[in-house]
C-alpha atoms as a PDB file:
ATOM      1  CA  MET A   1      88.648  91.157  32.949  1.00  0.00           C
ATOM      2  CA  SER A   2      89.734  93.303  35.868  1.00  0.00           C
ATOM      3  CA  HIS A   3      92.992  95.175  35.795  1.00  0.00           C
ATOM      4  CA  ARG A   4      95.164  94.677  38.893  1.00  0.00           C
ATOM      5  CA  VAL A   5      97.739  97.176  39.985  1.00  0.00           C
ATOM      6  CA  LEU A   6     100.840  95.629  41.486  1.00  0.00           C
ATOM      7  CA  ARG A   7     101.867  97.327  44.691  1.00  0.00           C
ATOM      8  CA  TRP A   8     105.214  96.955  46.377  1.00  0.00           C
ATOM      9  CA  PRO A   9     105.282  96.356  50.135  1.00  0.00           C
ATOM     10  CA  VAL A  10     105.494  99.482  52.229  1.00  0.00           C
ATOM     11  CA  GLU A  11     109.077 100.354  53.095  1.00  0.00           C
ATOM     12  CA  ARG A  12     109.681 100.244  56.840  1.00  0.00           C
ATOM     13  CA  ARG A  13     112.701 100.873  59.024  1.00  0.00           C
ATOM     14  CA  LEU A  14     114.515  97.778  60.279  1.00  0.00           C
ATOM     15  CA  GLY A  15     114.061  98.844  63.892  1.00  0.00           C
ATOM     16  CA  LEU A  16     110.311  98.932  63.391  1.00  0.00           C
ATOM     17  CA  LEU A  17     110.267  95.504  61.751  1.00  0.00           C
ATOM     18  CA  LEU A  18     112.271  93.986  64.611  1.00  0.00           C
ATOM     19  CA  GLN A  19     109.575  95.085  67.055  1.00  0.00           C
ATOM     20  CA  THR A  20     106.715  93.245  65.388  1.00  0.00           C
ATOM     21  CA  PRO A  21     104.995  90.440  67.342  1.00  0.00           C
ATOM     22  CA  ALA A  22     105.980  87.947  64.636  1.00  0.00           C
ATOM     23  CA  HIS A  23     109.642  88.826  65.048  1.00  0.00           C
ATOM     24  CA  ARG A  24     109.395  88.521  68.826  1.00  0.00           C
ATOM     25  CA  VAL A  25     107.915  85.029  68.520  1.00  0.00           C
ATOM     26  CA  LEU A  26     110.605  84.032  66.043  1.00  0.00           C
ATOM     27  CA  ARG A  27     113.329  85.374  68.337  1.00  0.00           C
ATOM     28  CA  VAL A  28     111.961  83.459  71.339  1.00  0.00           C
ATOM     29  CA  LEU A  29     111.957  80.260  69.286  1.00  0.00           C
ATOM     30  CA  GLN A  30     115.532  80.854  68.098  1.00  0.00           C
ATOM     31  CA  VAL A  31     116.799  81.521  71.619  1.00  0.00           C
ATOM     32  CA  THR A  32     114.974  78.480  72.986  1.00  0.00           C
ATOM     33  CA  GLN A  33     116.412  76.262  70.258  1.00  0.00           C
ATOM     34  CA  ALA A  34     119.922  77.610  70.912  1.00  0.00           C
ATOM     35  CA  GLN A  35     119.565  76.882  74.630  1.00  0.00           C
ATOM     36  CA  TRP A  36     118.454  73.302  73.943  1.00  0.00           C
ATOM     37  CA  VAL A  37     121.394  72.781  71.576  1.00  0.00           C
ATOM     38  CA  ALA A  38     123.791  74.175  74.185  1.00  0.00           C
ATOM     39  CA  ALA A  39     122.280  71.966  76.905  1.00  0.00           C
ATOM     40  CA  ASP A  40     122.634  68.884  74.685  1.00  0.00           C
ATOM     41  CA  ALA A  41     126.267  69.759  73.968  1.00  0.00           C
ATOM     42  CA  MET A  42     126.996  70.241  77.664  1.00  0.00           C
ATOM     43  CA  ALA A  43     125.311  66.943  78.538  1.00  0.00           C
ATOM     44  CA  SER A  44     127.397  65.040  76.010  1.00  0.00           C
ATOM     45  CA  ALA A  45     130.632  66.751  77.105  1.00  0.00           C
ATOM     46  CA  HIS A  46     129.956  66.372  80.847  1.00  0.00           C
ATOM     47  CA  PRO A  47     127.738  63.362  81.594  1.00  0.00           C
ATOM     48  CA  MET A  48     125.666  63.608  84.736  1.00  0.00           C
ATOM     49  CA  PRO A  49     127.192  61.754  87.707  1.00  0.00           C
ATOM     50  CA  VAL A  50     125.424  58.661  88.900  1.00  0.00           C
ATOM     51  CA  PRO A  51     123.867  59.378  92.304  1.00  0.00           C
ATOM     52  CA  ARG A  52     125.221  57.273  95.159  1.00  0.00           C
ATOM     53  CA  ALA A  53     122.831  55.306  97.317  1.00  0.00           C
ATOM     54  CA  ARG A  54     122.190  56.996 100.654  1.00  0.00           C
ATOM     55  CA  PRO A  55     122.573  54.905 103.784  1.00  0.00           C
ATOM     56  CA  ALA A  56     119.393  53.989 105.589  1.00  0.00           C
ATOM     57  CA  ARG A  57     118.384  56.308 108.430  1.00  0.00           C
ATOM     58  CA  ALA A  58     118.942  53.689 111.178  1.00  0.00           C
ATOM     59  CA  GLU A  59     122.438  52.919 109.839  1.00  0.00           C
ATOM     60  CA  ALA A  60     123.295  56.612 109.741  1.00  0.00           C
ATOM     61  CA  LEU A  61     122.238  57.111 113.388  1.00  0.00           C
ATOM     62  CA  ALA A  62     124.121  54.025 114.600  1.00  0.00           C
ATOM     63  CA  ALA A  63     127.380  55.047 112.913  1.00  0.00           C
END
């Protein structure tokens, strides 16, 4: 039977951890999700106006 030595993770400064590629990916996902939530909230609070039909080109020139 082999004897295993438990090792604690290496202590690192928070600033260093926040610069890891994994943290960057996580931050991009969080910001993207927040922007989608904000866009959904804005859309429900201010519905998009229904576009009006444009007059035909011949009618516009005659008027």
